[in-house]
């Protein structure tokens, strides 16, 4: 059982309340992730600001979702994989074959996007220590050095939400239920420390 409350606009403190009101205005509901982060308004504000900054990267909306899904799946975050699957399919209109490949740990049907997903996964898996061959593959696929750092921004953004979801055990919103995800069998199970 989680020791954390998923705050609503009514239960949030005065600092978090306007941030949750902004979430309601933007999404039409307050995502449970935002309600969980409201326990620490600075964390919620950081998440909102990192979202806005990541939206400003040079990646297309589909590429952004590839990055966020690859990171979330690598981190075994069931909440974020479900949320970004819905966003990718419904809002961005990404090819469902791409989304399903990311969800199932399979190669993507597009080689450039596969290089992007592979690089994002490598950054997470290796804690930023990415070998020259992986970096070269990313650049050779047509991405820039600036985009290397934009992937790192995506990792920072998703690490905040992935780890928050693991610690708080945030329940999946009704809006994301159709994309509920269980990590593939080949993923290692998480252990509580």
N, C-alpha and C. Protein backbone atom coordinates (compact mmCIF):
# COMPACT_ATOMS: atom_id res chain seq x y z
N UNK A 1 0.84 -1.18 0.00
CA UNK A 1 0.00 0.00 0.00
C UNK A 1 0.89 1.25 0.00
N UNK A 2 0.57 2.19 -0.83
CA UNK A 2 1.35 3.40 -0.93
C UNK A 2 1.16 4.29 0.30
N UNK A 3 2.21 4.95 0.68
CA UNK A 3 2.14 5.90 1.79
C UNK A 3 1.80 7.30 1.29
N UNK A 4 1.51 7.42 0.00
CA UNK A 4 1.29 8.72 -0.62
C UNK A 4 -0.17 8.90 -1.03
N UNK A 5 -0.59 10.13 -1.02
CA UNK A 5 -1.93 10.50 -1.46
C UNK A 5 -1.84 11.02 -2.89
N UNK A 6 -2.83 10.68 -3.70
CA UNK A 6 -2.96 11.28 -5.02
C UNK A 6 -3.85 12.50 -4.82
N UNK A 7 -3.25 13.66 -4.85
CA UNK A 7 -3.99 14.88 -4.54
C UNK A 7 -4.90 15.31 -5.67
N UNK A 8 -6.00 15.92 -5.27
CA UNK A 8 -6.90 16.59 -6.20
C UNK A 8 -6.67 18.09 -6.01
N UNK A 9 -7.34 18.88 -6.79
CA UNK A 9 -7.26 20.33 -6.61
C UNK A 9 -7.72 20.71 -5.21
N UNK A 10 -8.71 19.99 -4.69
CA UNK A 10 -9.25 20.30 -3.36
C UNK A 10 -8.29 19.94 -2.23
N UNK A 11 -7.48 18.87 -2.40
CA UNK A 11 -6.60 18.43 -1.30
C UNK A 11 -5.18 18.95 -1.42
N UNK A 12 -4.83 19.51 -2.57
CA UNK A 12 -3.46 20.00 -2.78
C UNK A 12 -3.20 21.25 -1.94
N UNK A 13 -1.92 21.46 -1.60
CA UNK A 13 -1.59 22.67 -0.85
C UNK A 13 -1.64 23.89 -1.78
N UNK A 14 -1.51 25.05 -1.20
CA UNK A 14 -1.69 26.30 -1.96
C UNK A 14 -0.69 26.45 -3.11
N UNK A 15 0.50 25.90 -2.98
CA UNK A 15 1.50 26.00 -4.04
C UNK A 15 1.17 25.07 -5.20
N UNK A 16 0.67 23.88 -4.90
CA UNK A 16 0.37 22.89 -5.94
C UNK A 16 -0.97 23.13 -6.62
N UNK A 17 -1.90 23.75 -5.91
CA UNK A 17 -3.26 23.93 -6.43
C UNK A 17 -3.30 24.58 -7.82
N UNK A 18 -2.61 25.70 -8.05
CA UNK A 18 -2.68 26.30 -9.40
C UNK A 18 -2.02 25.43 -10.47
N UNK A 19 -1.03 24.63 -10.07
CA UNK A 19 -0.39 23.72 -11.02
C UNK A 19 -1.37 22.63 -11.46
N UNK A 20 -2.13 22.11 -10.50
CA UNK A 20 -3.14 21.10 -10.82
C UNK A 20 -4.29 21.71 -11.63
N UNK A 21 -4.63 22.95 -11.33
CA UNK A 21 -5.65 23.63 -12.14
C UNK A 21 -5.18 23.77 -13.59
N UNK A 22 -3.89 24.02 -13.79
CA UNK A 22 -3.33 24.07 -15.14
C UNK A 22 -3.40 22.72 -15.82
N UNK A 23 -3.17 21.64 -15.07
CA UNK A 23 -3.28 20.29 -15.63
C UNK A 23 -4.71 20.01 -16.06
N UNK A 24 -5.66 20.39 -15.23
CA UNK A 24 -7.07 20.20 -15.56
C UNK A 24 -7.43 20.95 -16.84
N UNK A 25 -6.96 22.17 -16.95
CA UNK A 25 -7.24 22.97 -18.14
C UNK A 25 -6.60 22.36 -19.39
N UNK A 26 -5.38 21.87 -19.25
CA UNK A 26 -4.65 21.32 -20.40
C UNK A 26 -5.19 19.96 -20.85
N UNK A 27 -5.49 19.08 -19.90
CA UNK A 27 -5.84 17.69 -20.22
C UNK A 27 -7.33 17.37 -20.08
N UNK A 28 -8.07 18.23 -19.42
CA UNK A 28 -9.48 17.94 -19.18
C UNK A 28 -9.69 17.11 -17.92
N UNK A 29 -8.62 16.70 -17.28
CA UNK A 29 -8.64 15.98 -16.01
C UNK A 29 -7.27 16.16 -15.38
N UNK A 30 -7.15 15.85 -14.10
CA UNK A 30 -5.86 15.92 -13.44
C UNK A 30 -5.27 14.51 -13.44
N UNK A 31 -4.24 14.25 -14.26
CA UNK A 31 -3.64 12.92 -14.25
C UNK A 31 -3.15 12.54 -12.85
N UNK A 32 -3.32 11.29 -12.51
CA UNK A 32 -2.88 10.81 -11.20
C UNK A 32 -1.41 11.09 -10.94
N UNK A 33 -0.58 11.04 -11.99
CA UNK A 33 0.83 11.38 -11.83
C UNK A 33 0.98 12.78 -11.26
N UNK A 34 0.24 13.73 -11.82
CA UNK A 34 0.31 15.11 -11.34
C UNK A 34 -0.19 15.20 -9.90
N UNK A 35 -1.26 14.46 -9.61
CA UNK A 35 -1.78 14.44 -8.24
C UNK A 35 -0.77 13.86 -7.26
N UNK A 36 -0.02 12.86 -7.68
CA UNK A 36 1.02 12.29 -6.83
C UNK A 36 2.17 13.25 -6.63
N UNK A 37 2.61 13.88 -7.73
CA UNK A 37 3.71 14.84 -7.64
C UNK A 37 3.33 16.08 -6.82
N UNK A 38 2.04 16.35 -6.68
CA UNK A 38 1.58 17.52 -5.93
C UNK A 38 1.99 17.46 -4.46
N UNK A 39 2.35 16.28 -3.98
CA UNK A 39 2.85 16.16 -2.61
C UNK A 39 4.07 17.06 -2.41
N UNK A 40 4.87 17.21 -3.47
CA UNK A 40 6.05 18.08 -3.47
C UNK A 40 5.89 19.05 -4.63
N UNK A 41 5.31 20.22 -4.40
CA UNK A 41 5.03 21.14 -5.49
C UNK A 41 6.22 21.46 -6.39
N UNK A 42 7.42 21.49 -5.83
CA UNK A 42 8.60 21.74 -6.66
C UNK A 42 8.80 20.61 -7.67
N UNK A 43 8.52 19.38 -7.28
CA UNK A 43 8.64 18.23 -8.19
C UNK A 43 7.58 18.32 -9.29
N UNK A 44 6.36 18.69 -8.92
CA UNK A 44 5.29 18.86 -9.91
C UNK A 44 5.65 19.98 -10.88
N UNK A 45 6.13 21.08 -10.37
CA UNK A 45 6.52 22.20 -11.23
C UNK A 45 7.66 21.79 -12.17
N UNK A 46 8.63 21.07 -11.64
CA UNK A 46 9.74 20.60 -12.48
C UNK A 46 9.22 19.69 -13.58
N UNK A 47 8.30 18.80 -13.26
CA UNK A 47 7.75 17.89 -14.26
C UNK A 47 7.03 18.68 -15.36
N UNK A 48 6.23 19.64 -14.97
CA UNK A 48 5.49 20.46 -15.95
C UNK A 48 6.47 21.25 -16.82
N UNK A 49 7.48 21.82 -16.21
CA UNK A 49 8.46 22.61 -16.97
C UNK A 49 9.32 21.72 -17.88
N UNK A 50 9.70 20.54 -17.40
CA UNK A 50 10.46 19.62 -18.24
C UNK A 50 9.61 19.14 -19.43
N UNK A 51 8.32 18.94 -19.20
CA UNK A 51 7.42 18.57 -20.29
C UNK A 51 7.45 19.65 -21.37
N UNK A 52 7.31 20.90 -20.95
CA UNK A 52 7.30 22.02 -21.90
C UNK A 52 8.62 22.14 -22.64
N UNK A 53 9.72 21.95 -21.94
CA UNK A 53 11.04 22.02 -22.58
C UNK A 53 11.24 20.88 -23.57
N UNK A 54 10.83 19.67 -23.19
CA UNK A 54 10.98 18.54 -24.10
C UNK A 54 10.12 18.74 -25.35
N UNK A 55 8.95 19.34 -25.19
CA UNK A 55 8.08 19.63 -26.34
C UNK A 55 8.76 20.58 -27.33
N UNK A 56 9.74 21.36 -26.85
CA UNK A 56 10.44 22.33 -27.70
C UNK A 56 11.67 21.76 -28.40
N UNK A 57 11.96 20.47 -28.20
CA UNK A 57 13.13 19.88 -28.85
C UNK A 57 12.91 19.80 -30.35
N UNK A 58 13.96 19.46 -31.07
CA UNK A 58 13.89 19.36 -32.53
C UNK A 58 13.25 18.06 -33.01
N UNK A 59 12.89 17.18 -32.11
CA UNK A 59 12.26 15.92 -32.50
C UNK A 59 10.80 16.14 -32.90
N UNK A 60 10.34 15.37 -33.87
CA UNK A 60 8.93 15.40 -34.27
C UNK A 60 8.10 14.84 -33.12
N UNK A 61 6.79 15.08 -33.11
CA UNK A 61 5.95 14.48 -32.06
C UNK A 61 6.07 12.96 -31.99
N UNK A 62 6.17 12.29 -33.13
CA UNK A 62 6.34 10.84 -33.11
C UNK A 62 7.67 10.46 -32.50
N UNK A 63 8.74 11.15 -32.88
CA UNK A 63 10.05 10.87 -32.31
C UNK A 63 10.05 11.12 -30.80
N UNK A 64 9.38 12.16 -30.36
CA UNK A 64 9.30 12.42 -28.92
C UNK A 64 8.65 11.25 -28.20
N UNK A 65 7.57 10.73 -28.75
CA UNK A 65 6.89 9.61 -28.11
C UNK A 65 7.73 8.34 -28.16
N UNK A 66 8.49 8.15 -29.23
CA UNK A 66 9.41 7.00 -29.31
C UNK A 66 10.41 7.09 -28.16
N UNK A 67 10.97 8.25 -27.94
CA UNK A 67 11.94 8.45 -26.86
C UNK A 67 11.29 8.16 -25.51
N UNK A 68 10.13 8.76 -25.27
CA UNK A 68 9.49 8.63 -23.96
C UNK A 68 9.01 7.21 -23.71
N UNK A 69 8.52 6.54 -24.74
CA UNK A 69 8.10 5.14 -24.58
C UNK A 69 9.30 4.22 -24.37
N UNK A 70 10.38 4.45 -25.12
CA UNK A 70 11.57 3.61 -24.97
C UNK A 70 12.13 3.74 -23.55
N UNK A 71 12.20 4.96 -23.06
CA UNK A 71 12.71 5.20 -21.70
C UNK A 71 11.80 4.55 -20.67
N UNK A 72 10.50 4.78 -20.79
CA UNK A 72 9.54 4.25 -19.82
C UNK A 72 9.52 2.73 -19.81
N UNK A 73 9.62 2.11 -20.99
CA UNK A 73 9.67 0.65 -21.04
C UNK A 73 10.97 0.13 -20.44
N UNK A 74 12.08 0.80 -20.74
CA UNK A 74 13.38 0.39 -20.17
C UNK A 74 13.34 0.48 -18.64
N UNK A 75 12.63 1.49 -18.12
CA UNK A 75 12.49 1.66 -16.68
C UNK A 75 11.32 0.85 -16.10
N UNK A 76 10.66 0.06 -16.94
CA UNK A 76 9.53 -0.77 -16.51
C UNK A 76 8.43 0.03 -15.81
N UNK A 77 8.13 1.20 -16.34
CA UNK A 77 7.10 2.05 -15.74
C UNK A 77 5.75 1.80 -16.42
N UNK A 78 4.93 1.01 -15.77
CA UNK A 78 3.64 0.63 -16.37
C UNK A 78 2.74 1.85 -16.59
N UNK A 79 2.76 2.80 -15.68
CA UNK A 79 1.93 4.00 -15.82
C UNK A 79 2.34 4.79 -17.07
N UNK A 80 3.62 5.10 -17.19
CA UNK A 80 4.09 5.95 -18.29
C UNK A 80 4.00 5.26 -19.65
N UNK A 81 4.24 3.94 -19.68
CA UNK A 81 4.08 3.23 -20.95
C UNK A 81 2.63 3.32 -21.40
N UNK A 82 1.69 3.12 -20.50
CA UNK A 82 0.27 3.21 -20.87
C UNK A 82 -0.08 4.63 -21.32
N UNK A 83 0.34 5.62 -20.55
CA UNK A 83 0.01 7.02 -20.88
C UNK A 83 0.59 7.41 -22.24
N UNK A 84 1.87 7.10 -22.46
CA UNK A 84 2.50 7.51 -23.72
C UNK A 84 2.04 6.66 -24.90
N UNK A 85 1.58 5.44 -24.65
CA UNK A 85 0.98 4.66 -25.73
C UNK A 85 -0.29 5.34 -26.21
N UNK A 86 -1.11 5.79 -25.27
CA UNK A 86 -2.34 6.49 -25.62
C UNK A 86 -2.02 7.79 -26.34
N UNK A 87 -1.09 8.56 -25.81
CA UNK A 87 -0.72 9.84 -26.43
C UNK A 87 -0.19 9.59 -27.84
N UNK A 88 0.69 8.61 -27.98
CA UNK A 88 1.29 8.32 -29.29
C UNK A 88 0.22 7.92 -30.31
N UNK A 89 -0.68 7.03 -29.91
CA UNK A 89 -1.68 6.53 -30.85
C UNK A 89 -2.81 7.54 -31.10
N UNK A 90 -3.34 8.12 -30.03
CA UNK A 90 -4.54 8.95 -30.16
C UNK A 90 -4.26 10.41 -30.50
N UNK A 91 -3.24 10.98 -29.89
CA UNK A 91 -2.98 12.41 -30.07
C UNK A 91 -1.97 12.67 -31.19
N UNK A 92 -0.89 11.90 -31.21
CA UNK A 92 0.18 12.11 -32.19
C UNK A 92 -0.12 11.36 -33.50
N UNK A 93 -0.95 10.33 -33.41
CA UNK A 93 -1.30 9.49 -34.57
C UNK A 93 -0.08 8.73 -35.09
N UNK A 94 0.77 8.29 -34.17
CA UNK A 94 1.93 7.47 -34.54
C UNK A 94 1.44 6.11 -35.02
N UNK A 95 2.20 5.50 -35.89
CA UNK A 95 1.90 4.17 -36.40
C UNK A 95 1.80 3.21 -35.22
N UNK A 96 0.70 2.48 -35.12
CA UNK A 96 0.51 1.57 -33.99
C UNK A 96 1.56 0.46 -33.97
N UNK A 97 2.14 0.10 -35.13
CA UNK A 97 3.19 -0.92 -35.16
C UNK A 97 4.43 -0.43 -34.41
N UNK A 98 4.71 0.86 -34.48
CA UNK A 98 5.84 1.44 -33.75
C UNK A 98 5.57 1.38 -32.25
N UNK A 99 4.37 1.78 -31.87
CA UNK A 99 4.01 1.78 -30.45
C UNK A 99 4.05 0.35 -29.89
N UNK A 100 3.49 -0.59 -30.62
CA UNK A 100 3.47 -1.98 -30.14
C UNK A 100 4.88 -2.56 -30.05
N UNK A 101 5.74 -2.22 -31.00
CA UNK A 101 7.13 -2.71 -30.93
C UNK A 101 7.82 -2.18 -29.67
N UNK A 102 7.61 -0.90 -29.37
CA UNK A 102 8.21 -0.31 -28.17
C UNK A 102 7.66 -0.96 -26.91
N UNK A 103 6.38 -1.20 -26.87
CA UNK A 103 5.73 -1.82 -25.71
C UNK A 103 6.22 -3.25 -25.47
N UNK A 104 6.56 -3.94 -26.57
CA UNK A 104 6.92 -5.35 -26.48
C UNK A 104 8.41 -5.62 -26.59
N UNK A 105 9.22 -4.55 -26.59
CA UNK A 105 10.66 -4.73 -26.65
C UNK A 105 11.15 -5.33 -27.95
N UNK A 106 10.45 -5.06 -29.03
CA UNK A 106 10.79 -5.59 -30.35
C UNK A 106 11.41 -4.48 -31.21
N UNK A 107 12.14 -4.84 -32.26
CA UNK A 107 12.69 -3.83 -33.17
C UNK A 107 11.58 -3.05 -33.86
N UNK A 108 11.81 -1.76 -34.04
CA UNK A 108 10.83 -0.91 -34.70
C UNK A 108 10.90 -1.12 -36.22
N UNK A 109 9.77 -0.96 -36.91
CA UNK A 109 9.75 -1.18 -38.35
C UNK A 109 10.43 -0.06 -39.16
N UNK A 110 10.88 0.98 -38.50
CA UNK A 110 11.55 2.11 -39.15
C UNK A 110 12.97 2.17 -38.58
N UNK A 111 13.99 2.07 -39.44
CA UNK A 111 15.37 1.96 -38.97
C UNK A 111 15.84 3.23 -38.25
N UNK A 112 15.42 4.39 -38.70
CA UNK A 112 15.84 5.63 -38.03
C UNK A 112 15.23 5.71 -36.63
N UNK A 113 13.94 5.38 -36.53
CA UNK A 113 13.30 5.38 -35.22
C UNK A 113 13.87 4.28 -34.32
N UNK A 114 14.27 3.18 -34.90
CA UNK A 114 14.91 2.11 -34.12
C UNK A 114 16.23 2.61 -33.53
N UNK A 115 17.00 3.37 -34.32
CA UNK A 115 18.25 3.94 -33.80
C UNK A 115 17.96 4.92 -32.67
N UNK A 116 16.89 5.69 -32.79
CA UNK A 116 16.49 6.64 -31.75
C UNK A 116 16.10 5.91 -30.47
N UNK A 117 15.25 4.91 -30.61
CA UNK A 117 14.81 4.14 -29.44
C UNK A 117 15.99 3.42 -28.79
N UNK A 118 16.86 2.84 -29.62
CA UNK A 118 18.03 2.14 -29.09
C UNK A 118 18.96 3.05 -28.33
N UNK A 119 19.14 4.27 -28.85
CA UNK A 119 20.01 5.22 -28.15
C UNK A 119 19.37 5.63 -26.82
N UNK A 120 18.07 5.93 -26.82
CA UNK A 120 17.39 6.32 -25.58
C UNK A 120 17.48 5.20 -24.54
N UNK A 121 17.25 3.96 -24.98
CA UNK A 121 17.36 2.82 -24.05
C UNK A 121 18.78 2.69 -23.51
N UNK A 122 19.77 2.88 -24.39
CA UNK A 122 21.18 2.75 -23.97
C UNK A 122 21.54 3.81 -22.93
N UNK A 123 21.05 5.03 -23.11
CA UNK A 123 21.34 6.09 -22.14
C UNK A 123 20.79 5.69 -20.76
N UNK A 124 19.57 5.15 -20.74
CA UNK A 124 18.97 4.73 -19.47
C UNK A 124 19.71 3.53 -18.89
N UNK A 125 19.84 2.50 -19.69
CA UNK A 125 20.42 1.24 -19.22
C UNK A 125 21.85 1.42 -18.71
N UNK A 126 22.61 2.27 -19.39
CA UNK A 126 24.02 2.46 -19.05
C UNK A 126 24.27 3.72 -18.23
N UNK A 127 23.19 4.31 -17.72
CA UNK A 127 23.29 5.50 -16.87
C UNK A 127 24.13 6.60 -17.51
N UNK A 128 23.90 6.78 -18.81
CA UNK A 128 24.56 7.85 -19.54
C UNK A 128 25.92 7.50 -20.12
N UNK A 129 26.45 6.35 -19.76
CA UNK A 129 27.75 5.94 -20.30
C UNK A 129 27.46 5.15 -21.58
N UNK A 130 27.42 5.88 -22.69
CA UNK A 130 27.05 5.28 -23.97
C UNK A 130 28.32 5.12 -24.81
N UNK A 131 28.55 3.90 -25.28
CA UNK A 131 29.76 3.60 -26.04
C UNK A 131 29.74 4.29 -27.40
N UNK A 132 30.94 4.46 -27.97
CA UNK A 132 31.08 5.13 -29.25
C UNK A 132 30.25 4.52 -30.36
N UNK A 133 30.14 3.19 -30.40
CA UNK A 133 29.39 2.51 -31.45
C UNK A 133 27.91 2.87 -31.38
N UNK A 134 27.34 2.92 -30.19
CA UNK A 134 25.93 3.28 -30.03
C UNK A 134 25.71 4.73 -30.44
N UNK A 135 26.60 5.60 -30.03
CA UNK A 135 26.52 7.01 -30.41
C UNK A 135 26.69 7.17 -31.92
N UNK A 136 27.65 6.46 -32.49
CA UNK A 136 27.87 6.53 -33.93
C UNK A 136 26.64 6.07 -34.71
N UNK A 137 26.00 5.01 -34.26
CA UNK A 137 24.80 4.49 -34.92
C UNK A 137 23.69 5.54 -34.91
N UNK A 138 23.56 6.24 -33.80
CA UNK A 138 22.56 7.30 -33.66
C UNK A 138 22.83 8.44 -34.64
N UNK A 139 24.07 8.89 -34.70
CA UNK A 139 24.46 9.98 -35.60
C UNK A 139 24.34 9.54 -37.06
N UNK A 140 24.78 8.33 -37.35
CA UNK A 140 24.72 7.81 -38.72
C UNK A 140 23.27 7.68 -39.20
N UNK A 141 22.35 7.45 -38.29
CA UNK A 141 20.93 7.33 -38.66
C UNK A 141 20.34 8.68 -39.09
N UNK A 142 21.08 9.78 -38.85
CA UNK A 142 20.61 11.09 -39.28
C UNK A 142 20.31 12.05 -38.16
N UNK A 143 20.67 11.68 -36.94
CA UNK A 143 20.44 12.58 -35.81
C UNK A 143 21.69 13.41 -35.54
N UNK A 144 21.51 14.53 -34.85
CA UNK A 144 22.60 15.48 -34.61
C UNK A 144 23.17 15.35 -33.19
N UNK A 145 24.29 16.01 -32.97
CA UNK A 145 24.87 16.05 -31.62
C UNK A 145 23.92 16.77 -30.67
N UNK A 146 23.25 17.81 -31.15
CA UNK A 146 22.27 18.50 -30.29
C UNK A 146 21.17 17.54 -29.87
N UNK A 147 20.77 16.66 -30.76
CA UNK A 147 19.72 15.71 -30.43
C UNK A 147 20.18 14.66 -29.43
N UNK A 148 21.48 14.40 -29.36
CA UNK A 148 22.01 13.53 -28.30
C UNK A 148 21.61 14.12 -26.95
N UNK A 149 21.82 15.41 -26.80
CA UNK A 149 21.52 16.07 -25.53
C UNK A 149 20.03 16.23 -25.31
N UNK A 150 19.27 16.34 -26.39
CA UNK A 150 17.81 16.38 -26.25
C UNK A 150 17.26 15.04 -25.77
N UNK A 151 17.91 13.94 -26.16
CA UNK A 151 17.52 12.63 -25.62
C UNK A 151 17.82 12.60 -24.12
N UNK A 152 18.96 13.16 -23.72
CA UNK A 152 19.30 13.21 -22.29
C UNK A 152 18.23 14.02 -21.54
N UNK A 153 17.75 15.10 -22.13
CA UNK A 153 16.64 15.86 -21.53
C UNK A 153 15.42 14.96 -21.36
N UNK A 154 15.11 14.16 -22.38
CA UNK A 154 13.99 13.23 -22.28
C UNK A 154 14.19 12.22 -21.16
N UNK A 155 15.41 11.77 -20.99
CA UNK A 155 15.71 10.82 -19.90
C UNK A 155 15.48 11.49 -18.55
N UNK A 156 15.93 12.73 -18.41
CA UNK A 156 15.72 13.45 -17.14
C UNK A 156 14.23 13.61 -16.85
N UNK A 157 13.49 14.00 -17.86
CA UNK A 157 12.04 14.21 -17.77
C UNK A 157 11.34 12.91 -17.37
N UNK A 158 11.63 11.83 -18.06
CA UNK A 158 10.94 10.56 -17.78
C UNK A 158 11.45 9.91 -16.51
N UNK A 159 12.71 10.10 -16.16
CA UNK A 159 13.21 9.52 -14.92
C UNK A 159 12.41 10.08 -13.74
N UNK A 160 12.12 11.37 -13.77
CA UNK A 160 11.31 11.98 -12.71
C UNK A 160 9.96 11.28 -12.59
N UNK A 161 9.28 11.09 -13.70
CA UNK A 161 7.96 10.47 -13.62
C UNK A 161 8.04 8.96 -13.40
N UNK A 162 8.98 8.27 -14.06
CA UNK A 162 9.09 6.83 -13.89
C UNK A 162 9.39 6.47 -12.44
N UNK A 163 10.35 7.15 -11.85
CA UNK A 163 10.72 6.84 -10.46
C UNK A 163 9.60 7.22 -9.50
N UNK A 164 8.94 8.33 -9.76
CA UNK A 164 7.80 8.73 -8.93
C UNK A 164 6.73 7.66 -8.97
N UNK A 165 6.43 7.16 -10.16
CA UNK A 165 5.42 6.11 -10.29
C UNK A 165 5.82 4.84 -9.56
N UNK A 166 7.09 4.48 -9.62
CA UNK A 166 7.54 3.29 -8.90
C UNK A 166 7.39 3.45 -7.39
N UNK A 167 7.78 4.60 -6.88
CA UNK A 167 7.76 4.82 -5.43
C UNK A 167 6.35 4.99 -4.90
N UNK A 168 5.54 5.78 -5.61
CA UNK A 168 4.19 6.07 -5.14
C UNK A 168 3.19 4.99 -5.54
N UNK A 169 3.52 4.22 -6.59
CA UNK A 169 2.60 3.21 -7.12
C UNK A 169 1.29 3.86 -7.56
N UNK A 170 1.42 4.81 -8.46
CA UNK A 170 0.30 5.62 -8.91
C UNK A 170 -0.68 4.78 -9.72
N UNK A 171 -1.97 4.83 -9.36
CA UNK A 171 -2.97 4.08 -10.13
C UNK A 171 -3.15 4.68 -11.53
N UNK A 172 -3.38 3.81 -12.49
CA UNK A 172 -3.56 4.23 -13.87
C UNK A 172 -4.89 4.95 -14.02
N UNK A 173 -4.84 6.11 -14.67
CA UNK A 173 -6.06 6.89 -14.92
C UNK A 173 -6.98 6.13 -15.87
N UNK A 174 -8.26 6.36 -15.74
CA UNK A 174 -9.25 5.77 -16.64
C UNK A 174 -8.93 6.10 -18.09
N UNK A 175 -8.44 7.30 -18.35
CA UNK A 175 -8.12 7.73 -19.72
C UNK A 175 -7.06 6.86 -20.37
N UNK A 176 -6.23 6.18 -19.58
CA UNK A 176 -5.13 5.38 -20.12
C UNK A 176 -5.38 3.87 -20.02
N UNK A 177 -6.51 3.46 -19.44
CA UNK A 177 -6.78 2.05 -19.19
C UNK A 177 -6.71 1.17 -20.44
N UNK A 178 -7.14 1.69 -21.57
CA UNK A 178 -7.13 0.89 -22.81
C UNK A 178 -5.71 0.51 -23.23
N UNK A 179 -4.72 1.23 -22.73
CA UNK A 179 -3.32 0.96 -23.07
C UNK A 179 -2.54 0.39 -21.89
N UNK A 180 -3.24 -0.17 -20.91
CA UNK A 180 -2.56 -0.75 -19.74
C UNK A 180 -1.46 -1.69 -20.22
N UNK A 181 -0.34 -1.69 -19.51
CA UNK A 181 0.85 -2.43 -19.94
C UNK A 181 1.45 -3.20 -18.78
N UNK A 182 1.80 -4.42 -19.05
CA UNK A 182 2.61 -5.22 -18.14
C UNK A 182 3.94 -5.43 -18.83
N UNK A 183 5.02 -5.25 -18.10
CA UNK A 183 6.33 -5.39 -18.73
C UNK A 183 6.46 -6.76 -19.37
N UNK A 184 7.12 -6.80 -20.55
CA UNK A 184 7.31 -8.09 -21.23
C UNK A 184 8.04 -9.09 -20.34
N UNK A 185 7.80 -10.36 -20.59
CA UNK A 185 8.37 -11.43 -19.77
C UNK A 185 9.89 -11.38 -19.72
N UNK A 186 10.53 -10.87 -20.80
CA UNK A 186 12.00 -10.86 -20.81
C UNK A 186 12.58 -9.78 -19.90
N UNK A 187 11.75 -8.84 -19.42
CA UNK A 187 12.25 -7.80 -18.51
C UNK A 187 12.47 -8.40 -17.12
N UNK A 188 13.47 -7.90 -16.45
CA UNK A 188 13.71 -8.34 -15.07
C UNK A 188 12.69 -7.71 -14.14
N UNK A 189 12.25 -8.45 -13.18
CA UNK A 189 11.33 -7.91 -12.19
C UNK A 189 12.07 -6.95 -11.27
N UNK A 190 11.37 -5.91 -10.84
CA UNK A 190 11.95 -4.96 -9.90
C UNK A 190 11.93 -5.57 -8.50
N UNK A 191 12.88 -5.22 -7.74
CA UNK A 191 12.96 -5.66 -6.36
C UNK A 191 12.94 -4.43 -5.46
N UNK A 192 12.19 -4.48 -4.39
CA UNK A 192 12.20 -3.38 -3.43
C UNK A 192 13.50 -3.41 -2.65
N UNK A 193 14.04 -2.22 -2.46
CA UNK A 193 15.29 -2.12 -1.68
C UNK A 193 14.97 -1.84 -0.23
